[in-house]
């Protein structure tokens, strides 16, 4: 297994922890990719897609949770 695949699995586990918070507001999140330079690409779905607070949720919530668990990750972006 490559390092990126291992990181991707770890990111997916963190997303499973934050997903219930997003779903409680009618939203969801989908992991699209983890790049070789450690950028996580996600897609916000449902009520989160287009929400005025979605970038705040992404950076303050999702990104912080992922980086706390996986310090190798540099950032999380919405694709």
PDB file of N, CA and C in Angstrom:
ATOM      1  N   UNK A   1       0.845  -1.186   0.000  1.00  0.00           N
ATOM      2  CA  UNK A   1       0.000   0.000   0.000  1.00  0.00           C
ATOM      3  C   UNK A   1       0.886   1.244   0.000  1.00  0.00           C
ATOM      4  N   UNK A   2       0.551   2.197  -0.842  1.00  0.00           N
ATOM      5  CA  UNK A   2       1.351   3.410  -0.899  1.00  0.00           C
ATOM      6  C   UNK A   2       1.013   4.325   0.269  1.00  0.00           C
ATOM      7  N   UNK A   3       1.904   5.243   0.535  1.00  0.00           N
ATOM      8  CA  UNK A   3       1.692   6.209   1.625  1.00  0.00           C
ATOM      9  C   UNK A   3       0.425   7.020   1.402  1.00  0.00           C
ATOM     10  N   UNK A   4       0.182   7.436   0.151  1.00  0.00           N
ATOM     11  CA  UNK A   4      -1.011   8.231  -0.139  1.00  0.00           C
ATOM     12  C   UNK A   4      -2.284   7.445   0.133  1.00  0.00           C
ATOM     13  N   UNK A   5      -2.308   6.147  -0.214  1.00  0.00           N
ATOM     14  CA  UNK A   5      -3.485   5.331   0.076  1.00  0.00           C
ATOM     15  C   UNK A   5      -3.710   5.203   1.570  1.00  0.00           C
ATOM     16  N   UNK A   6      -2.633   5.034   2.327  1.00  0.00           N
ATOM     17  CA  UNK A   6      -2.742   4.942   3.769  1.00  0.00           C
ATOM     18  C   UNK A   6      -3.291   6.252   4.345  1.00  0.00           C
ATOM     19  N   UNK A   7      -2.789   7.365   3.871  1.00  0.00           N
ATOM     20  CA  UNK A   7      -3.273   8.681   4.318  1.00  0.00           C
ATOM     21  C   UNK A   7      -4.746   8.828   3.950  1.00  0.00           C
ATOM     22  N   UNK A   8      -5.105   8.411   2.741  1.00  0.00           N
ATOM     23  CA  UNK A   8      -6.504   8.512   2.292  1.00  0.00           C
ATOM     24  C   UNK A   8      -7.433   7.749   3.238  1.00  0.00           C
ATOM     25  N   UNK A   9      -7.024   6.554   3.643  1.00  0.00           N
ATOM     26  CA  UNK A   9      -7.831   5.768   4.586  1.00  0.00           C
ATOM     27  C   UNK A   9      -7.960   6.481   5.922  1.00  0.00           C
ATOM     28  N   UNK A  10      -6.878   7.069   6.382  1.00  0.00           N
ATOM     29  CA  UNK A  10      -6.910   7.797   7.646  1.00  0.00           C
ATOM     30  C   UNK A  10      -7.808   9.030   7.550  1.00  0.00           C
ATOM     31  N   UNK A  11      -7.749   9.736   6.422  1.00  0.00           N
ATOM     32  CA  UNK A  11      -8.612  10.900   6.214  1.00  0.00           C
ATOM     33  C   UNK A  11     -10.081  10.459   6.209  1.00  0.00           C
ATOM     34  N   UNK A  12     -10.371   9.359   5.524  1.00  0.00           N
ATOM     35  CA  UNK A  12     -11.746   8.849   5.464  1.00  0.00           C
ATOM     36  C   UNK A  12     -12.276   8.551   6.864  1.00  0.00           C
ATOM     37  N   UNK A  13     -11.431   8.020   7.736  1.00  0.00           N
ATOM     38  CA  UNK A  13     -11.854   7.732   9.116  1.00  0.00           C
ATOM     39  C   UNK A  13     -12.167   9.004   9.884  1.00  0.00           C
ATOM     40  N   UNK A  14     -11.373  10.041   9.674  1.00  0.00           N
ATOM     41  CA  UNK A  14     -11.643  11.322  10.338  1.00  0.00           C
ATOM     42  C   UNK A  14     -12.949  11.910   9.815  1.00  0.00           C
ATOM     43  N   UNK A  15     -13.169  11.812   8.504  1.00  0.00           N
ATOM     44  CA  UNK A  15     -14.421  12.333   7.925  1.00  0.00           C
ATOM     45  C   UNK A  15     -15.633  11.620   8.501  1.00  0.00           C
ATOM     46  N   UNK A  16     -15.491  10.337   8.798  1.00  0.00           N
ATOM     47  CA  UNK A  16     -16.607   9.598   9.410  1.00  0.00           C
ATOM     48  C   UNK A  16     -16.945  10.167  10.785  1.00  0.00           C
ATOM     49  N   UNK A  17     -15.950  10.716  11.470  1.00  0.00           N
ATOM     50  CA  UNK A  17     -16.191  11.324  12.783  1.00  0.00           C
ATOM     51  C   UNK A  17     -16.905  12.666  12.678  1.00  0.00           C
ATOM     52  N   UNK A  18     -16.589  13.452  11.631  1.00  0.00           N
ATOM     53  CA  UNK A  18     -17.218  14.770  11.497  1.00  0.00           C
ATOM     54  C   UNK A  18     -18.529  14.726  10.707  1.00  0.00           C
ATOM     55  N   UNK A  19     -18.727  13.679   9.950  1.00  0.00           N
ATOM     56  CA  UNK A  19     -19.922  13.556   9.109  1.00  0.00           C
ATOM     57  C   UNK A  19     -21.240  13.740   9.884  1.00  0.00           C
ATOM     58  N   UNK A  20     -21.397  13.135  11.071  1.00  0.00           N
ATOM     59  CA  UNK A  20     -22.676  13.319  11.788  1.00  0.00           C
ATOM     60  C   UNK A  20     -23.019  14.780  12.088  1.00  0.00           C
ATOM     61  N   UNK A  21     -22.004  15.607  12.321  1.00  0.00           N
ATOM     62  CA  UNK A  21     -22.251  17.030  12.573  1.00  0.00           C
ATOM     63  C   UNK A  21     -22.781  17.715  11.327  1.00  0.00           C
ATOM     64  N   UNK A  22     -22.218  17.368  10.183  1.00  0.00           N
ATOM     65  CA  UNK A  22     -22.692  17.937   8.918  1.00  0.00           C
ATOM     66  C   UNK A  22     -24.095  17.435   8.600  1.00  0.00           C
ATOM     67  N   UNK A  23     -24.322  16.152   8.828  1.00  0.00           N
ATOM     68  CA  UNK A  23     -25.623  15.564   8.524  1.00  0.00           C
ATOM     69  C   UNK A  23     -26.721  16.122   9.430  1.00  0.00           C
ATOM     70  N   UNK A  24     -26.361  16.515  10.644  1.00  0.00           N
ATOM     71  CA  UNK A  24     -27.366  17.077  11.554  1.00  0.00           C
ATOM     72  C   UNK A  24     -27.906  18.404  11.031  1.00  0.00           C
ATOM     73  N   UNK A  25     -27.140  19.060  10.153  1.00  0.00           N
ATOM     74  CA  UNK A  25     -27.584  20.299   9.526  1.00  0.00           C
ATOM     75  C   UNK A  25     -28.059  20.079   8.090  1.00  0.00           C
ATOM     76  N   UNK A  26     -28.236  18.819   7.707  1.00  0.00           N
ATOM     77  CA  UNK A  26     -28.751  18.508   6.371  1.00  0.00           C
ATOM     78  C   UNK A  26     -27.689  18.439   5.294  1.00  0.00           C
ATOM     79  N   UNK A  27     -26.420  18.382   5.698  1.00  0.00           N
ATOM     80  CA  UNK A  27     -25.336  18.329   4.725  1.00  0.00           C
ATOM     81  C   UNK A  27     -24.581  17.018   4.773  1.00  0.00           C
ATOM     82  N   UNK A  28     -23.516  16.954   4.021  1.00  0.00           N
ATOM     83  CA  UNK A  28     -22.648  15.774   4.000  1.00  0.00           C
ATOM     84  C   UNK A  28     -21.336  16.180   3.337  1.00  0.00           C
ATOM     85  N   UNK A  29     -20.387  15.249   3.354  1.00  0.00           N
ATOM     86  CA  UNK A  29     -19.081  15.514   2.761  1.00  0.00           C
ATOM     87  C   UNK A  29     -18.603  14.256   2.051  1.00  0.00           C
ATOM     88  N   UNK A  30     -17.941  14.456   0.933  1.00  0.00           N
ATOM     89  CA  UNK A  30     -17.419  13.341   0.138  1.00  0.00           C
ATOM     90  C   UNK A  30     -15.923  13.562  -0.075  1.00  0.00           C
ATOM     91  N   UNK A  31     -15.133  12.540   0.210  1.00  0.00           N
ATOM     92  CA  UNK A  31     -13.690  12.597  -0.037  1.00  0.00           C
ATOM     93  C   UNK A  31     -13.447  12.317  -1.511  1.00  0.00           C
ATOM     94  N   UNK A  32     -12.807  13.262  -2.194  1.00  0.00           N
ATOM     95  CA  UNK A  32     -12.520  13.097  -3.613  1.00  0.00           C
ATOM     96  C   UNK A  32     -11.101  12.600  -3.850  1.00  0.00           C
ATOM     97  N   UNK A  33     -10.133  13.182  -3.125  1.00  0.00           N
ATOM     98  CA  UNK A  33      -8.744  12.841  -3.407  1.00  0.00           C
ATOM     99  C   UNK A  33      -7.846  13.318  -2.278  1.00  0.00           C
ATOM    100  N   UNK A  34      -6.706  12.664  -2.151  1.00  0.00           N
ATOM    101  CA  UNK A  34      -5.594  13.162  -1.350  1.00  0.00           C
ATOM    102  C   UNK A  34      -4.416  13.217  -2.317  1.00  0.00           C
ATOM    103  N   UNK A  35      -3.934  14.421  -2.573  1.00  0.00           N
ATOM    104  CA  UNK A  35      -2.877  14.593  -3.570  1.00  0.00           C
ATOM    105  C   UNK A  35      -1.526  14.179  -2.995  1.00  0.00           C
ATOM    106  N   UNK A  36      -0.559  14.013  -3.881  1.00  0.00           N
ATOM    107  CA  UNK A  36       0.796  13.644  -3.463  1.00  0.00           C
ATOM    108  C   UNK A  36       1.433  14.710  -2.570  1.00  0.00           C
ATOM    109  N   UNK A  37       0.979  15.960  -2.714  1.00  0.00           N
ATOM    110  CA  UNK A  37       1.521  17.023  -1.859  1.00  0.00           C
ATOM    111  C   UNK A  37       0.649  17.269  -0.622  1.00  0.00           C
ATOM    112  N   UNK A  38      -0.142  16.264  -0.260  1.00  0.00           N
ATOM    113  CA  UNK A  38      -0.914  16.222   0.986  1.00  0.00           C
ATOM    114  C   UNK A  38      -2.015  17.282   1.085  1.00  0.00           C
ATOM    115  N   UNK A  39      -2.697  17.515  -0.025  1.00  0.00           N
ATOM    116  CA  UNK A  39      -3.885  18.364  -0.047  1.00  0.00           C
ATOM    117  C   UNK A  39      -5.093  17.437  -0.150  1.00  0.00           C
ATOM    118  N   UNK A  40      -6.048  17.617   0.761  1.00  0.00           N
ATOM    119  CA  UNK A  40      -7.269  16.814   0.744  1.00  0.00           C
ATOM    120  C   UNK A  40      -8.323  17.574  -0.054  1.00  0.00           C
ATOM    121  N   UNK A  41      -8.914  16.889  -1.032  1.00  0.00           N
ATOM    122  CA  UNK A  41      -9.984  17.486  -1.834  1.00  0.00           C
ATOM    123  C   UNK A  41     -11.299  16.817  -1.443  1.00  0.00           C
ATOM    124  N   UNK A  42     -12.269  17.645  -1.086  1.00  0.00           N
ATOM    125  CA  UNK A  42     -13.575  17.135  -0.676  1.00  0.00           C
ATOM    126  C   UNK A  42     -14.672  17.869  -1.439  1.00  0.00           C
ATOM    127  N   UNK A  43     -15.857  17.314  -1.385  1.00  0.00           N
ATOM    128  CA  UNK A  43     -17.043  17.971  -1.947  1.00  0.00           C
ATOM    129  C   UNK A  43     -18.084  18.037  -0.834  1.00  0.00           C
ATOM    130  N   UNK A  44     -18.533  19.256  -0.539  1.00  0.00           N
ATOM    131  CA  UNK A  44     -19.629  19.422   0.400  1.00  0.00           C
ATOM    132  C   UNK A  44     -20.934  19.188  -0.339  1.00  0.00           C
ATOM    133  N   UNK A  45     -21.851  18.493   0.315  1.00  0.00           N
ATOM    134  CA  UNK A  45     -23.101  18.104  -0.345  1.00  0.00           C
ATOM    135  C   UNK A  45     -24.295  18.515   0.508  1.00  0.00           C
ATOM    136  N   UNK A  46     -25.471  18.392  -0.086  1.00  0.00           N
ATOM    137  CA  UNK A  46     -26.702  18.705   0.634  1.00  0.00           C
ATOM    138  C   UNK A  46     -26.750  20.169   1.032  1.00  0.00           C
ATOM    139  N   UNK A  47     -27.205  20.433   2.256  1.00  0.00           N
ATOM    140  CA  UNK A  47     -27.341  21.812   2.732  1.00  0.00           C
ATOM    141  C   UNK A  47     -25.997  22.515   2.827  1.00  0.00           C
ATOM    142  N   UNK A  48     -24.909  21.763   2.953  1.00  0.00           N
ATOM    143  CA  UNK A  48     -23.576  22.381   3.049  1.00  0.00           C
ATOM    144  C   UNK A  48     -23.135  22.983   1.721  1.00  0.00           C
ATOM    145  N   UNK A  49     -23.598  22.404   0.621  1.00  0.00           N
ATOM    146  CA  UNK A  49     -23.217  22.905  -0.703  1.00  0.00           C
ATOM    147  C   UNK A  49     -23.874  24.265  -0.914  1.00  0.00           C
ATOM    148  N   UNK A  50     -23.068  25.288  -1.076  1.00  0.00           N
ATOM    149  CA  UNK A  50     -23.602  26.618  -1.317  1.00  0.00           C
ATOM    150  C   UNK A  50     -23.968  27.385  -0.062  1.00  0.00           C
ATOM    151  N   UNK A  51     -23.810  26.783   1.099  1.00  0.00           N
ATOM    152  CA  UNK A  51     -24.111  27.475   2.348  1.00  0.00           C
ATOM    153  C   UNK A  51     -23.092  28.592   2.559  1.00  0.00           C
ATOM    154  N   UNK A  52     -23.539  29.773   3.031  1.00  0.00           N
ATOM    155  CA  UNK A  52     -22.606  30.870   3.249  1.00  0.00           C
ATOM    156  C   UNK A  52     -21.502  30.547   4.266  1.00  0.00           C
ATOM    157  N   UNK A  53     -21.755  29.580   5.137  1.00  0.00           N
ATOM    158  CA  UNK A  53     -20.778  29.212   6.156  1.00  0.00           C
ATOM    159  C   UNK A  53     -19.946  27.993   5.762  1.00  0.00           C
ATOM    160  N   UNK A  54     -20.092  27.522   4.530  1.00  0.00           N
ATOM    161  CA  UNK A  54     -19.429  26.275   4.144  1.00  0.00           C
ATOM    162  C   UNK A  54     -17.908  26.372   4.210  1.00  0.00           C
ATOM    163  N   UNK A  55     -17.328  27.514   3.831  1.00  0.00           N
ATOM    164  CA  UNK A  55     -15.866  27.635   3.898  1.00  0.00           C
ATOM    165  C   UNK A  55     -15.388  27.657   5.341  1.00  0.00           C
ATOM    166  N   UNK A  56     -16.160  28.293   6.213  1.00  0.00           N
ATOM    167  CA  UNK A  56     -15.820  28.303   7.635  1.00  0.00           C
ATOM    168  C   UNK A  56     -15.902  26.884   8.195  1.00  0.00           C
ATOM    169  N   UNK A  57     -16.947  26.155   7.831  1.00  0.00           N
ATOM    170  CA  UNK A  57     -17.095  24.764   8.260  1.00  0.00           C
ATOM    171  C   UNK A  57     -15.923  23.939   7.759  1.00  0.00           C
ATOM    172  N   UNK A  58     -15.559  24.145   6.506  1.00  0.00           N
ATOM    173  CA  UNK A  58     -14.476  23.376   5.896  1.00  0.00           C
ATOM    174  C   UNK A  58     -13.148  23.658   6.599  1.00  0.00           C
ATOM    175  N   UNK A  59     -12.819  24.913   6.817  1.00  0.00           N
ATOM    176  CA  UNK A  59     -11.519  25.271   7.392  1.00  0.00           C
ATOM    177  C   UNK A  59     -11.482  25.082   8.911  1.00  0.00           C
ATOM    178  N   UNK A  60     -12.477  25.606   9.607  1.00  0.00           N
ATOM    179  CA  UNK A  60     -12.452  25.568  11.076  1.00  0.00           C
ATOM    180  C   UNK A  60     -12.870  24.213  11.626  1.00  0.00           C
ATOM    181  N   UNK A  61     -13.702  23.508  10.890  1.00  0.00           N
ATOM    182  CA  UNK A  61     -14.179  22.214  11.375  1.00  0.00           C
ATOM    183  C   UNK A  61     -13.445  21.046  10.771  1.00  0.00           C
ATOM    184  N   UNK A  62     -13.671  20.823   9.500  1.00  0.00           N
ATOM    185  CA  UNK A  62     -13.144  19.642   8.812  1.00  0.00           C
ATOM    186  C   UNK A  62     -11.617  19.668   8.744  1.00  0.00           C
ATOM    187  N   UNK A  63     -11.047  20.777   8.264  1.00  0.00           N
ATOM    188  CA  UNK A  63      -9.597  20.844   8.110  1.00  0.00           C
ATOM    189  C   UNK A  63      -8.892  20.682   9.462  1.00  0.00           C
ATOM    190  N   UNK A  64      -9.373  21.354  10.481  1.00  0.00           N
ATOM    191  CA  UNK A  64      -8.733  21.263  11.795  1.00  0.00           C
ATOM    192  C   UNK A  64      -8.812  19.848  12.343  1.00  0.00           C
ATOM    193  N   UNK A  65      -9.944  19.180  12.159  1.00  0.00           N
ATOM    194  CA  UNK A  65     -10.091  17.799  12.638  1.00  0.00           C
ATOM    195  C   UNK A  65      -9.115  16.866  11.920  1.00  0.00           C
ATOM    196  N   UNK A  66      -8.973  17.047  10.623  1.00  0.00           N
ATOM    197  CA  UNK A  66      -8.075  16.183   9.842  1.00  0.00           C
ATOM    198  C   UNK A  66      -6.618  16.442  10.229  1.00  0.00           C
ATOM    199  N   UNK A  67      -6.220  17.711  10.291  1.00  0.00           N
ATOM    200  CA  UNK A  67      -4.826  18.026  10.606  1.00  0.00           C
ATOM    201  C   UNK A  67      -4.466  17.617  12.033  1.00  0.00           C
ATOM    202  N   UNK A  68      -5.417  17.702  12.933  1.00  0.00           N
ATOM    203  CA  UNK A  68      -5.165  17.264  14.314  1.00  0.00           C
ATOM    204  C   UNK A  68      -4.803  15.782  14.349  1.00  0.00           C
ATOM    205  N   UNK A  69      -5.506  14.979  13.559  1.00  0.00           N
ATOM    206  CA  UNK A  69      -5.275  13.533  13.529  1.00  0.00           C
ATOM    207  C   UNK A  69      -4.142  13.135  12.579  1.00  0.00           C
ATOM    208  N   UNK A  70      -3.969  13.919  11.515  1.00  0.00           N
ATOM    209  CA  UNK A  70      -2.987  13.583  10.475  1.00  0.00           C
ATOM    210  C   UNK A  70      -2.180  14.835  10.155  1.00  0.00           C
ATOM    211  N   UNK A  71      -1.149  15.127  10.955  1.00  0.00           N
ATOM    212  CA  UNK A  71      -0.388  16.372  10.782  1.00  0.00           C
ATOM    213  C   UNK A  71       0.306  16.513   9.430  1.00  0.00           C
ATOM    214  N   UNK A  72       0.471  15.419   8.703  1.00  0.00           N
ATOM    215  CA  UNK A  72       1.104  15.503   7.381  1.00  0.00           C
ATOM    216  C   UNK A  72       0.262  16.269   6.372  1.00  0.00           C
ATOM    217  N   UNK A  73      -1.041  16.338   6.611  1.00  0.00           N
ATOM    218  CA  UNK A  73      -1.954  17.040   5.687  1.00  0.00           C
ATOM    219  C   UNK A  73      -1.684  18.536   5.771  1.00  0.00           C
ATOM    220  N   UNK A  74      -1.582  19.175   4.600  1.00  0.00           N
ATOM    221  CA  UNK A  74      -1.296  20.606   4.549  1.00  0.00           C
ATOM    222  C   UNK A  74      -2.557  21.452   4.548  1.00  0.00           C
ATOM    223  N   UNK A  75      -3.578  21.012   3.798  1.00  0.00           N
ATOM    224  CA  UNK A  75      -4.836  21.762   3.780  1.00  0.00           C
ATOM    225  C   UNK A  75      -5.950  20.897   3.219  1.00  0.00           C
ATOM    226  N   UNK A  76      -7.173  21.409   3.405  1.00  0.00           N
ATOM    227  CA  UNK A  76      -8.372  20.765   2.877  1.00  0.00           C
ATOM    228  C   UNK A  76      -9.055  21.794   1.995  1.00  0.00           C
ATOM    229  N   UNK A  77      -9.370  21.389   0.763  1.00  0.00           N
ATOM    230  CA  UNK A  77     -10.031  22.305  -0.172  1.00  0.00           C
ATOM    231  C   UNK A  77     -11.308  21.670  -0.702  1.00  0.00           C
ATOM    232  N   UNK A  78     -12.229  22.529  -1.085  1.00  0.00           N
ATOM    233  CA  UNK A  78     -13.475  22.101  -1.704  1.00  0.00           C
ATOM    234  C   UNK A  78     -13.263  22.068  -3.216  1.00  0.00           C
ATOM    235  N   UNK A  79     -13.549  20.946  -3.820  1.00  0.00           N
ATOM    236  CA  UNK A  79     -13.329  20.792  -5.262  1.00  0.00           C
ATOM    237  C   UNK A  79     -14.655  20.688  -5.991  1.00  0.00           C
TER     238      UNK A  79
END
